[in-house]
Amino acid sequence: ALCGFGISSWLAYKSAIWEEVKIVVFAEIVWCGLAGLLMV
């Protein structure tokens, strides 16, 4: 999962157009937020 999200960030980095990356940003908020809270 970490590699998958990391690679999606690489693809978003290469794209650089908001409309193409906003779903990646939202998915990162959900994944990192839930995982962070569960880690706490």
Full PDB file with SEQRES, HELIX, SHEET, SSBOND, CRYST1, ORIGX, SCALE, CONECT and MASTER records, all heavy atoms in Angstrom:
SEQRES   1 A   40  ALA LEU CYS GLY PHE GLY ILE SER SER TRP LEU ALA TYR          
SEQRES   2 A   40  LYS SER ALA ILE TRP GLU GLU VAL LYS ILE VAL VAL PHE          
SEQRES   3 A   40  ALA GLU ILE VAL TRP CYS GLY LEU ALA GLY LEU LEU MET          
SEQRES   4 A   40  VAL                                                          
HELIX    1 AA1 LEU A    2  SER A   15  1                                  14    
HELIX    2 AA2 TRP A   18  MET A   39  1                                  22    
CRYST1    1.000    1.000    1.000  90.00  90.00  90.00 P 1           1          
ORIGX1      1.000000  0.000000  0.000000        0.00000                         
ORIGX2      0.000000  1.000000  0.000000        0.00000                         
ORIGX3      0.000000  0.000000  1.000000        0.00000                         
SCALE1      1.000000  0.000000  0.000000        0.00000                         
SCALE2      0.000000  1.000000  0.000000        0.00000                         
SCALE3      0.000000  0.000000  1.000000        0.00000                         
ATOM      1  N   ALA A   1       0.830  -1.208   0.000  1.00  0.00           N  
ATOM      2  CA  ALA A   1       0.000   0.000   0.000  1.00  0.00           C  
ATOM      3  C   ALA A   1       0.862   1.254   0.000  1.00  0.00           C  
ATOM      4  O   ALA A   1       0.598   2.214  -0.736  1.00  0.00           O  
ATOM      5  CB  ALA A   1      -0.935   0.003   1.210  1.00  0.00           C  
ATOM      6  N   LEU A   2       1.919   1.249   0.818  1.00  0.00           N  
ATOM      7  CA  LEU A   2       2.811   2.409   0.867  1.00  0.00           C  
ATOM      8  C   LEU A   2       3.484   2.640  -0.479  1.00  0.00           C  
ATOM      9  O   LEU A   2       3.595   3.781  -0.940  1.00  0.00           O  
ATOM     10  CB  LEU A   2       3.859   2.231   1.965  1.00  0.00           C  
ATOM     11  CG  LEU A   2       3.341   2.288   3.397  1.00  0.00           C  
ATOM     12  CD1 LEU A   2       4.432   1.866   4.375  1.00  0.00           C  
ATOM     13  CD2 LEU A   2       2.817   3.663   3.734  1.00  0.00           C  
ATOM     14  N   CYS A   3       3.937   1.569  -1.108  1.00  0.00           N  
ATOM     15  CA  CYS A   3       4.543   1.712  -2.441  1.00  0.00           C  
ATOM     16  C   CYS A   3       3.518   2.208  -3.450  1.00  0.00           C  
ATOM     17  O   CYS A   3       3.819   3.073  -4.280  1.00  0.00           O  
ATOM     18  CB  CYS A   3       5.138   0.386  -2.906  1.00  0.00           C  
ATOM     19  SG  CYS A   3       6.720   0.001  -2.157  1.00  0.00           S  
ATOM     20  N   GLY A   4       2.310   1.679  -3.384  1.00  0.00           N  
ATOM     21  CA  GLY A   4       1.261   2.111  -4.313  1.00  0.00           C  
ATOM     22  C   GLY A   4       0.927   3.584  -4.162  1.00  0.00           C  
ATOM     23  O   GLY A   4       0.857   4.317  -5.159  1.00  0.00           O  
ATOM     24  N   PHE A   5       0.755   4.032  -2.933  1.00  0.00           N  
ATOM     25  CA  PHE A   5       0.477   5.458  -2.720  1.00  0.00           C  
ATOM     26  C   PHE A   5       1.691   6.314  -3.070  1.00  0.00           C  
ATOM     27  O   PHE A   5       1.555   7.421  -3.594  1.00  0.00           O  
ATOM     28  CB  PHE A   5       0.027   5.720  -1.280  1.00  0.00           C  
ATOM     29  CG  PHE A   5      -1.431   5.460  -1.054  1.00  0.00           C  
ATOM     30  CD1 PHE A   5      -1.846   4.336  -0.361  1.00  0.00           C  
ATOM     31  CD2 PHE A   5      -2.386   6.322  -1.538  1.00  0.00           C  
ATOM     32  CE1 PHE A   5      -3.190   4.094  -0.151  1.00  0.00           C  
ATOM     33  CE2 PHE A   5      -3.739   6.095  -1.335  1.00  0.00           C  
ATOM     34  CZ  PHE A   5      -4.141   4.972  -0.642  1.00  0.00           C  
ATOM     35  N   GLY A   6       2.881   5.799  -2.791  1.00  0.00           N  
ATOM     36  CA  GLY A   6       4.090   6.527  -3.161  1.00  0.00           C  
ATOM     37  C   GLY A   6       4.205   6.701  -4.665  1.00  0.00           C  
ATOM     38  O   GLY A   6       4.503   7.795  -5.161  1.00  0.00           O  
ATOM     39  N   ILE A   7       3.930   5.637  -5.394  1.00  0.00           N  
ATOM     40  CA  ILE A   7       3.997   5.715  -6.859  1.00  0.00           C  
ATOM     41  C   ILE A   7       2.912   6.629  -7.402  1.00  0.00           C  
ATOM     42  O   ILE A   7       3.146   7.380  -8.358  1.00  0.00           O  
ATOM     43  CB  ILE A   7       3.951   4.308  -7.473  1.00  0.00           C  
ATOM     44  CG1 ILE A   7       5.263   3.579  -7.142  1.00  0.00           C  
ATOM     45  CG2 ILE A   7       3.717   4.361  -8.982  1.00  0.00           C  
ATOM     46  CD1 ILE A   7       5.253   2.107  -7.426  1.00  0.00           C  
ATOM     47  N   SER A   8       1.737   6.627  -6.779  1.00  0.00           N  
ATOM     48  CA  SER A   8       0.690   7.557  -7.232  1.00  0.00           C  
ATOM     49  C   SER A   8       1.133   9.002  -7.010  1.00  0.00           C  
ATOM     50  O   SER A   8       0.813   9.887  -7.813  1.00  0.00           O  
ATOM     51  CB  SER A   8      -0.647   7.274  -6.536  1.00  0.00           C  
ATOM     52  OG  SER A   8      -0.612   7.654  -5.179  1.00  0.00           O  
ATOM     53  N   SER A   9       1.891   9.239  -5.943  1.00  0.00           N  
ATOM     54  CA  SER A   9       2.425  10.591  -5.727  1.00  0.00           C  
ATOM     55  C   SER A   9       3.459  10.945  -6.791  1.00  0.00           C  
ATOM     56  O   SER A   9       3.536  12.098  -7.229  1.00  0.00           O  
ATOM     57  CB  SER A   9       3.057  10.700  -4.333  1.00  0.00           C  
ATOM     58  OG  SER A   9       2.055  10.866  -3.364  1.00  0.00           O  
ATOM     59  N   TRP A  10       4.252   9.974  -7.221  1.00  0.00           N  
ATOM     60  CA  TRP A  10       5.215  10.232  -8.306  1.00  0.00           C  
ATOM     61  C   TRP A  10       4.481  10.600  -9.591  1.00  0.00           C  
ATOM     62  O   TRP A  10       4.850  11.548 -10.279  1.00  0.00           O  
ATOM     63  CB  TRP A  10       6.108   9.015  -8.528  1.00  0.00           C  
ATOM     64  CG  TRP A  10       7.000   9.178  -9.716  1.00  0.00           C  
ATOM     65  CD1 TRP A  10       6.874   8.578 -10.927  1.00  0.00           C  
ATOM     66  CD2 TRP A  10       8.139  10.026  -9.814  1.00  0.00           C  
ATOM     67  NE1 TRP A  10       7.871   8.997 -11.769  1.00  0.00           N  
ATOM     68  CE2 TRP A  10       8.668   9.896 -11.111  1.00  0.00           C  
ATOM     69  CE3 TRP A  10       8.772  10.894  -8.927  1.00  0.00           C  
ATOM     70  CZ2 TRP A  10       9.790  10.579 -11.540  1.00  0.00           C  
ATOM     71  CZ3 TRP A  10       9.898  11.578  -9.359  1.00  0.00           C  
ATOM     72  CH2 TRP A  10      10.392  11.418 -10.645  1.00  0.00           C  
ATOM     73  N   LEU A  11       3.430   9.853  -9.894  1.00  0.00           N  
ATOM     74  CA  LEU A  11       2.654  10.150 -11.110  1.00  0.00           C  
ATOM     75  C   LEU A  11       1.991  11.519 -11.015  1.00  0.00           C  
ATOM     76  O   LEU A  11       1.947  12.262 -11.999  1.00  0.00           O  
ATOM     77  CB  LEU A  11       1.611   9.054 -11.351  1.00  0.00           C  
ATOM     78  CG  LEU A  11       2.190   7.673 -11.654  1.00  0.00           C  
ATOM     79  CD1 LEU A  11       1.078   6.631 -11.697  1.00  0.00           C  
ATOM     80  CD2 LEU A  11       2.980   7.682 -12.949  1.00  0.00           C  
ATOM     81  N   ALA A  12       1.494  11.863  -9.829  1.00  0.00           N  
ATOM     82  CA  ALA A  12       0.895  13.189  -9.628  1.00  0.00           C  
ATOM     83  C   ALA A  12       1.959  14.271  -9.763  1.00  0.00           C  
ATOM     84  O   ALA A  12       1.711  15.330 -10.353  1.00  0.00           O  
ATOM     85  CB  ALA A  12       0.214  13.260  -8.264  1.00  0.00           C  
ATOM     86  N   TYR A  13       3.126  14.028  -9.230  1.00  0.00           N  
ATOM     87  CA  TYR A  13       4.246  14.974  -9.350  1.00  0.00           C  
ATOM     88  C   TYR A  13       4.576  15.221 -10.828  1.00  0.00           C  
ATOM     89  O   TYR A  13       4.804  16.354 -11.237  1.00  0.00           O  
ATOM     90  CB  TYR A  13       5.462  14.411  -8.619  1.00  0.00           C  
ATOM     91  CG  TYR A  13       6.738  15.170  -8.869  1.00  0.00           C  
ATOM     92  CD1 TYR A  13       7.015  16.335  -8.169  1.00  0.00           C  
ATOM     93  CD2 TYR A  13       7.671  14.718  -9.801  1.00  0.00           C  
ATOM     94  CE1 TYR A  13       8.193  17.035  -8.393  1.00  0.00           C  
ATOM     95  CE2 TYR A  13       8.848  15.408 -10.025  1.00  0.00           C  
ATOM     96  CZ  TYR A  13       9.103  16.565  -9.323  1.00  0.00           C  
ATOM     97  OH  TYR A  13      10.266  17.267  -9.550  1.00  0.00           O  
ATOM     98  N   LYS A  14       4.572  14.165 -11.609  1.00  0.00           N  
ATOM     99  CA  LYS A  14       4.898  14.290 -13.032  1.00  0.00           C  
ATOM    100  C   LYS A  14       3.779  14.981 -13.808  1.00  0.00           C  
ATOM    101  O   LYS A  14       4.044  15.645 -14.800  1.00  0.00           O  
ATOM    102  CB  LYS A  14       5.172  12.911 -13.647  1.00  0.00           C  
ATOM    103  CG  LYS A  14       6.361  12.194 -13.050  1.00  0.00           C  
ATOM    104  CD  LYS A  14       7.657  12.909 -13.293  1.00  0.00           C  
ATOM    105  CE  LYS A  14       8.095  12.690 -14.711  1.00  0.00           C  
ATOM    106  NZ  LYS A  14       9.358  13.315 -15.043  1.00  0.00           N  
ATOM    107  N   SER A  15       2.541  14.842 -13.380  1.00  0.00           N  
ATOM    108  CA  SER A  15       1.414  15.446 -14.081  1.00  0.00           C  
ATOM    109  C   SER A  15       1.355  16.946 -13.848  1.00  0.00           C  
ATOM    110  O   SER A  15       1.353  17.720 -14.788  1.00  0.00           O  
ATOM    111  CB  SER A  15       0.097  14.807 -13.642  1.00  0.00           C  
ATOM    112  OG  SER A  15      -0.983  15.538 -14.179  1.00  0.00           O  
ATOM    113  N   ALA A  16       1.246  17.353 -12.606  1.00  0.00           N  
ATOM    114  CA  ALA A  16       1.270  18.752 -12.178  1.00  0.00           C  
ATOM    115  C   ALA A  16       0.039  19.576 -12.552  1.00  0.00           C  
ATOM    116  O   ALA A  16       0.046  20.781 -12.375  1.00  0.00           O  
ATOM    117  CB  ALA A  16       2.539  19.447 -12.679  1.00  0.00           C  
ATOM    118  N   ILE A  17      -1.013  18.976 -13.062  1.00  0.00           N  
ATOM    119  CA  ILE A  17      -2.258  19.694 -13.372  1.00  0.00           C  
ATOM    120  C   ILE A  17      -3.276  19.331 -12.285  1.00  0.00           C  
ATOM    121  O   ILE A  17      -3.536  18.156 -12.035  1.00  0.00           O  
ATOM    122  CB  ILE A  17      -2.805  19.305 -14.763  1.00  0.00           C  
ATOM    123  CG1 ILE A  17      -1.758  19.554 -15.844  1.00  0.00           C  
ATOM    124  CG2 ILE A  17      -4.112  20.035 -15.062  1.00  0.00           C  
ATOM    125  CD1 ILE A  17      -1.344  20.996 -16.007  1.00  0.00           C  
ATOM    126  N   TRP A  18      -3.857  20.336 -11.645  1.00  0.00           N  
ATOM    127  CA  TRP A  18      -4.738  20.122 -10.500  1.00  0.00           C  
ATOM    128  C   TRP A  18      -5.853  19.134 -10.792  1.00  0.00           C  
ATOM    129  O   TRP A  18      -6.113  18.222 -10.009  1.00  0.00           O  
ATOM    130  CB  TRP A  18      -5.294  21.441  -9.976  1.00  0.00           C  
ATOM    131  CG  TRP A  18      -6.311  21.223  -8.893  1.00  0.00           C  
ATOM    132  CD1 TRP A  18      -7.636  21.497  -8.939  1.00  0.00           C  
ATOM    133  CD2 TRP A  18      -6.077  20.630  -7.610  1.00  0.00           C  
ATOM    134  NE1 TRP A  18      -8.246  21.121  -7.763  1.00  0.00           N  
ATOM    135  CE2 TRP A  18      -7.299  20.583  -6.929  1.00  0.00           C  
ATOM    136  CE3 TRP A  18      -4.949  20.131  -6.968  1.00  0.00           C  
ATOM    137  CZ2 TRP A  18      -7.431  20.072  -5.648  1.00  0.00           C  
ATOM    138  CZ3 TRP A  18      -5.085  19.625  -5.682  1.00  0.00           C  
ATOM    139  CH2 TRP A  18      -6.313  19.597  -5.049  1.00  0.00           C  
ATOM    140  N   GLU A  19      -6.528  19.272 -11.890  1.00  0.00           N  
ATOM    141  CA  GLU A  19      -7.656  18.384 -12.205  1.00  0.00           C  
ATOM    142  C   GLU A  19      -7.216  16.920 -12.312  1.00  0.00           C  
ATOM    143  O   GLU A  19      -8.008  16.024 -12.063  1.00  0.00           O  
ATOM    144  CB  GLU A  19      -8.357  18.828 -13.497  1.00  0.00           C  
ATOM    145  CG  GLU A  19      -9.167  20.092 -13.340  1.00  0.00           C  
ATOM    146  CD  GLU A  19     -10.252  19.990 -12.283  1.00  0.00           C  
ATOM    147  OE1 GLU A  19     -10.962  18.959 -12.226  1.00  0.00           O  
ATOM    148  OE2 GLU A  19     -10.398  20.934 -11.488  1.00  0.00           O  
ATOM    149  N   GLU A  20      -5.964  16.704 -12.675  1.00  0.00           N  
ATOM    150  CA  GLU A  20      -5.452  15.340 -12.805  1.00  0.00           C  
ATOM    151  C   GLU A  20      -4.953  14.764 -11.489  1.00  0.00           C  
ATOM    152  O   GLU A  20      -4.811  13.554 -11.366  1.00  0.00           O  
ATOM    153  CB  GLU A  20      -4.327  15.297 -13.846  1.00  0.00           C  
ATOM    154  CG  GLU A  20      -4.802  15.620 -15.248  1.00  0.00           C  
ATOM    155  CD  GLU A  20      -3.665  15.681 -16.251  1.00  0.00           C  
ATOM    156  OE1 GLU A  20      -2.498  15.465 -15.867  1.00  0.00           O  
ATOM    157  OE2 GLU A  20      -3.950  15.940 -17.426  1.00  0.00           O  
ATOM    158  N   VAL A  21      -4.675  15.608 -10.511  1.00  0.00           N  
ATOM    159  CA  VAL A  21      -4.082  15.111  -9.264  1.00  0.00           C  
ATOM    160  C   VAL A  21      -4.991  15.246  -8.048  1.00  0.00           C  
ATOM    161  O   VAL A  21      -4.682  14.689  -6.996  1.00  0.00           O  
ATOM    162  CB  VAL A  21      -2.722  15.800  -8.971  1.00  0.00           C  
ATOM    163  CG1 VAL A  21      -1.757  15.618 -10.119  1.00  0.00           C  
ATOM    164  CG2 VAL A  21      -2.890  17.264  -8.614  1.00  0.00           C  
ATOM    165  N   LYS A  22      -6.115  15.938  -8.175  1.00  0.00           N  
ATOM    166  CA  LYS A  22      -6.914  16.205  -6.974  1.00  0.00           C  
ATOM    167  C   LYS A  22      -7.450  14.939  -6.317  1.00  0.00           C  
ATOM    168  O   LYS A  22      -7.530  14.879  -5.086  1.00  0.00           O  
ATOM    169  CB  LYS A  22      -8.032  17.209  -7.258  1.00  0.00           C  
ATOM    170  CG  LYS A  22      -9.158  16.711  -8.095  1.00  0.00           C  
ATOM    171  CD  LYS A  22     -10.197  17.811  -8.266  1.00  0.00           C  
ATOM    172  CE  LYS A  22     -11.319  17.361  -9.151  1.00  0.00           C  
ATOM    173  NZ  LYS A  22     -12.290  18.434  -9.338  1.00  0.00           N  
ATOM    174  N   ILE A  23      -7.763  13.910  -7.084  1.00  0.00           N  
ATOM    175  CA  ILE A  23      -8.246  12.678  -6.457  1.00  0.00           C  
ATOM    176  C   ILE A  23      -7.129  11.975  -5.695  1.00  0.00           C  
ATOM    177  O   ILE A  23      -7.360  11.352  -4.655  1.00  0.00           O  
ATOM    178  CB  ILE A  23      -8.918  11.740  -7.474  1.00  0.00           C  
ATOM    179  CG1 ILE A  23      -9.730  10.690  -6.728  1.00  0.00           C  
ATOM    180  CG2 ILE A  23      -7.906  11.121  -8.408  1.00  0.00           C  
ATOM    181  CD1 ILE A  23     -10.808  10.052  -7.532  1.00  0.00           C  
ATOM    182  N   VAL A  24      -5.886  12.110  -6.182  1.00  0.00           N  
ATOM    183  CA  VAL A  24      -4.743  11.553  -5.460  1.00  0.00           C  
ATOM    184  C   VAL A  24      -4.578  12.287  -4.135  1.00  0.00           C  
ATOM    185  O   VAL A  24      -4.355  11.662  -3.087  1.00  0.00           O  
ATOM    186  CB  VAL A  24      -3.453  11.638  -6.308  1.00  0.00           C  
ATOM    187  CG1 VAL A  24      -2.240  11.207  -5.501  1.00  0.00           C  
ATOM    188  CG2 VAL A  24      -3.585  10.812  -7.575  1.00  0.00           C  
ATOM    189  N   VAL A  25      -4.702  13.587  -4.161  1.00  0.00           N  
ATOM    190  CA  VAL A  25      -4.584  14.388  -2.938  1.00  0.00           C  
ATOM    191  C   VAL A  25      -5.661  13.973  -1.937  1.00  0.00           C  
ATOM    192  O   VAL A  25      -5.380  13.757  -0.755  1.00  0.00           O  
ATOM    193  CB  VAL A  25      -4.658  15.899  -3.244  1.00  0.00           C  
ATOM    194  CG1 VAL A  25      -4.678  16.721  -1.958  1.00  0.00           C  
ATOM    195  CG2 VAL A  25      -3.495  16.325  -4.131  1.00  0.00           C  
ATOM    196  N   PHE A  26      -6.893  13.832  -2.396  1.00  0.00           N  
ATOM    197  CA  PHE A  26      -7.981  13.433  -1.505  1.00  0.00           C  
ATOM    198  C   PHE A  26      -7.743  12.039  -0.939  1.00  0.00           C  
ATOM    199  O   PHE A  26      -7.940  11.797   0.261  1.00  0.00           O  
ATOM    200  CB  PHE A  26      -9.329  13.501  -2.232  1.00  0.00           C  
ATOM    201  CG  PHE A  26     -10.487  13.294  -1.312  1.00  0.00           C  
ATOM    202  CD1 PHE A  26     -10.904  14.304  -0.462  1.00  0.00           C  
ATOM    203  CD2 PHE A  26     -11.150  12.079  -1.280  1.00  0.00           C  
ATOM    204  CE1 PHE A  26     -11.967  14.115   0.414  1.00  0.00           C  
ATOM    205  CE2 PHE A  26     -12.209  11.880  -0.406  1.00  0.00           C  
ATOM    206  CZ  PHE A  26     -12.617  12.898   0.439  1.00  0.00           C  
ATOM    207  N   ALA A  27      -7.293  11.110  -1.776  1.00  0.00           N  
ATOM    208  CA  ALA A  27      -7.005   9.753  -1.300  1.00  0.00           C  
ATOM    209  C   ALA A  27      -5.894   9.765  -0.253  1.00  0.00           C  
ATOM    210  O   ALA A  27      -5.952   9.014   0.736  1.00  0.00           O  
ATOM    211  CB  ALA A  27      -6.618   8.847  -2.470  1.00  0.00           C  
ATOM    212  N   GLU A  28      -4.904  10.620  -0.427  1.00  0.00           N  
ATOM    213  CA  GLU A  28      -3.825  10.732   0.550  1.00  0.00           C  
ATOM    214  C   GLU A  28      -4.335  11.277   1.885  1.00  0.00           C  
ATOM    215  O   GLU A  28      -3.890  10.837   2.948  1.00  0.00           O  
ATOM    216  CB  GLU A  28      -2.703  11.628   0.027  1.00  0.00           C  
ATOM    217  CG  GLU A  28      -1.940  11.050  -1.137  1.00  0.00           C  
ATOM    218  CD  GLU A  28      -1.133   9.813  -0.792  1.00  0.00           C  
ATOM    219  OE1 GLU A  28      -1.077   9.417   0.391  1.00  0.00           O  
ATOM    220  OE2 GLU A  28      -0.546   9.240  -1.714  1.00  0.00           O  
ATOM    221  N   ILE A  29      -5.248  12.222   1.833  1.00  0.00           N  
ATOM    222  CA  ILE A  29      -5.831  12.760   3.072  1.00  0.00           C  
ATOM    223  C   ILE A  29      -6.526  11.641   3.839  1.00  0.00           C  
ATOM    224  O   ILE A  29      -6.330  11.477   5.052  1.00  0.00           O  
ATOM    225  CB  ILE A  29      -6.817  13.910   2.774  1.00  0.00           C  
ATOM    226  CG1 ILE A  29      -6.076  15.102   2.165  1.00  0.00           C  
ATOM    227  CG2 ILE A  29      -7.569  14.316   4.037  1.00  0.00           C  
ATOM    228  CD1 ILE A  29      -6.993  16.133   1.535  1.00  0.00           C  
ATOM    229  N   VAL A  30      -7.324  10.854   3.131  1.00  0.00           N  
ATOM    230  CA  VAL A  30      -8.074   9.772   3.778  1.00  0.00           C  
ATOM    231  C   VAL A  30      -7.122   8.704   4.318  1.00  0.00           C  
ATOM    232  O   VAL A  30      -7.196   8.326   5.490  1.00  0.00           O  
ATOM    233  CB  VAL A  30      -9.106   9.165   2.801  1.00  0.00           C  
ATOM    234  CG1 VAL A  30      -9.763   7.936   3.402  1.00  0.00           C  
ATOM    235  CG2 VAL A  30     -10.149  10.207   2.416  1.00  0.00           C  
ATOM    236  N   TRP A  31      -6.227   8.210   3.466  1.00  0.00           N  
ATOM    237  CA  TRP A  31      -5.304   7.146   3.874  1.00  0.00           C  
ATOM    238  C   TRP A  31      -4.418   7.588   5.034  1.00  0.00           C  
ATOM    239  O   TRP A  31      -4.346   6.914   6.061  1.00  0.00           O  
ATOM    240  CB  TRP A  31      -4.467   6.702   2.686  1.00  0.00           C  
ATOM    241  CG  TRP A  31      -3.163   6.041   3.031  1.00  0.00           C  
ATOM    242  CD1 TRP A  31      -1.927   6.536   2.793  1.00  0.00           C  
ATOM    243  CD2 TRP A  31      -2.954   4.769   3.674  1.00  0.00           C  
ATOM    244  NE1 TRP A  31      -0.962   5.671   3.250  1.00  0.00           N  
ATOM    245  CE2 TRP A  31      -1.567   4.570   3.792  1.00  0.00           C  
ATOM    246  CE3 TRP A  31      -3.800   3.793   4.173  1.00  0.00           C  
ATOM    247  CZ2 TRP A  31      -1.009   3.440   4.381  1.00  0.00           C  
ATOM    248  CZ3 TRP A  31      -3.235   2.659   4.761  1.00  0.00           C  
ATOM    249  CH2 TRP A  31      -1.860   2.495   4.846  1.00  0.00           C  
ATOM    250  N   CYS A  32      -3.742   8.702   4.875  1.00  0.00           N  
ATOM    251  CA  CYS A  32      -2.803   9.153   5.913  1.00  0.00           C  
ATOM    252  C   CYS A  32      -3.527   9.567   7.188  1.00  0.00           C  
ATOM    253  O   CYS A  32      -3.039   9.320   8.292  1.00  0.00           O  
ATOM    254  CB  CYS A  32      -1.939  10.298   5.383  1.00  0.00           C  
ATOM    255  SG  CYS A  32      -0.813   9.785   4.070  1.00  0.00           S  
ATOM    256  N   GLY A  33      -4.695  10.186   7.042  1.00  0.00           N  
ATOM    257  CA  GLY A  33      -5.463  10.595   8.212  1.00  0.00           C  
ATOM    258  C   GLY A  33      -5.942   9.404   9.027  1.00  0.00           C  
ATOM    259  O   GLY A  33      -5.730   9.352  10.247  1.00  0.00           O  
ATOM    260  N   LEU A  34      -6.556   8.438   8.356  1.00  0.00           N  
ATOM    261  CA  LEU A  34      -7.032   7.252   9.074  1.00  0.00           C  
ATOM    262  C   LEU A  34      -5.875   6.452   9.657  1.00  0.00           C  
ATOM    263  O   LEU A  34      -5.927   6.034  10.826  1.00  0.00           O  
ATOM    264  CB  LEU A  34      -7.868   6.367   8.139  1.00  0.00           C  
ATOM    265  CG  LEU A  34      -9.234   6.903   7.749  1.00  0.00           C  
ATOM    266  CD1 LEU A  34      -9.896   5.992   6.720  1.00  0.00           C  
ATOM    267  CD2 LEU A  34     -10.125   7.047   8.974  1.00  0.00           C  
ATOM    268  N   ALA A  35      -4.833   6.239   8.870  1.00  0.00           N  
ATOM    269  CA  ALA A  35      -3.683   5.472   9.353  1.00  0.00           C  
ATOM    270  C   ALA A  35      -3.007   6.192  10.514  1.00  0.00           C  
ATOM    271  O   ALA A  35      -2.595   5.552  11.497  1.00  0.00           O  
ATOM    272  CB  ALA A  35      -2.697   5.230   8.207  1.00  0.00           C  
ATOM    273  N   GLY A  36      -2.890   7.514  10.440  1.00  0.00           N  
ATOM    274  CA  GLY A  36      -2.278   8.278  11.530  1.00  0.00           C  
ATOM    275  C   GLY A  36      -3.075   8.192  12.811  1.00  0.00           C  
ATOM    276  O   GLY A  36      -2.518   8.002  13.899  1.00  0.00           O  
ATOM    277  N   LEU A  37      -4.398   8.322  12.699  1.00  0.00           N  
ATOM    278  CA  LEU A  37      -5.248   8.214  13.888  1.00  0.00           C  
ATOM    279  C   LEU A  37      -5.197   6.816  14.488  1.00  0.00           C  
ATOM    280  O   LEU A  37      -5.154   6.648  15.719  1.00  0.00           O  
ATOM    281  CB  LEU A  37      -6.684   8.609  13.550  1.00  0.00           C  
ATOM    282  CG  LEU A  37      -6.893  10.081  13.217  1.00  0.00           C  
ATOM    283  CD1 LEU A  37      -8.327  10.328  12.759  1.00  0.00           C  
ATOM    284  CD2 LEU A  37      -6.542  10.974  14.398  1.00  0.00           C  
ATOM    285  N   LEU A  38      -5.186   5.801  13.641  1.00  0.00           N  
ATOM    286  CA  LEU A  38      -5.073   4.435  14.147  1.00  0.00           C  
ATOM    287  C   LEU A  38      -3.724   4.192  14.811  1.00  0.00           C  
ATOM    288  O   LEU A  38      -3.633   3.463  15.803  1.00  0.00           O  
ATOM    289  CB  LEU A  38      -5.301   3.420  13.017  1.00  0.00           C  
ATOM    290  CG  LEU A  38      -6.748   3.293  12.559  1.00  0.00           C  
ATOM    291  CD1 LEU A  38      -6.847   2.446  11.304  1.00  0.00           C  
ATOM    292  CD2 LEU A  38      -7.614   2.719  13.669  1.00  0.00           C  
ATOM    293  N   MET A  39      -2.678   4.819  14.282  1.00  0.00           N  
ATOM    294  CA  MET A  39      -1.371   4.689  14.915  1.00  0.00           C  
ATOM    295  C   MET A  39      -1.354   5.349  16.291  1.00  0.00           C  
ATOM    296  O   MET A  39      -0.754   4.807  17.224  1.00  0.00           O  
ATOM    297  CB  MET A  39      -0.273   5.272  14.028  1.00  0.00           C  
ATOM    298  CG  MET A  39       0.205   4.338  12.935  1.00  0.00           C  
ATOM    299  SD  MET A  39       0.909   2.787  13.553  1.00  0.00           S  
ATOM    300  CE  MET A  39       2.296   3.382  14.524  1.00  0.00           C  
ATOM    301  N   VAL A  40      -2.008   6.494  16.424  1.00  0.00           N  
ATOM    302  CA  VAL A  40      -2.083   7.135  17.746  1.00  0.00           C  
ATOM    303  C   VAL A  40      -2.760   6.180  18.727  1.00  0.00           C  
ATOM    304  O   VAL A  40      -2.268   5.956  19.841  1.00  0.00           O  
ATOM    305  CB  VAL A  40      -2.844   8.484  17.679  1.00  0.00           C  
ATOM    306  CG1 VAL A  40      -3.156   9.001  19.076  1.00  0.00           C  
ATOM    307  CG2 VAL A  40      -2.052   9.514  16.893  1.00  0.00           C  
TER     308      VAL A  40                                                      
MASTER        0    0    0    2    0    0    0    6  307    1    0    4          
END                                                                             
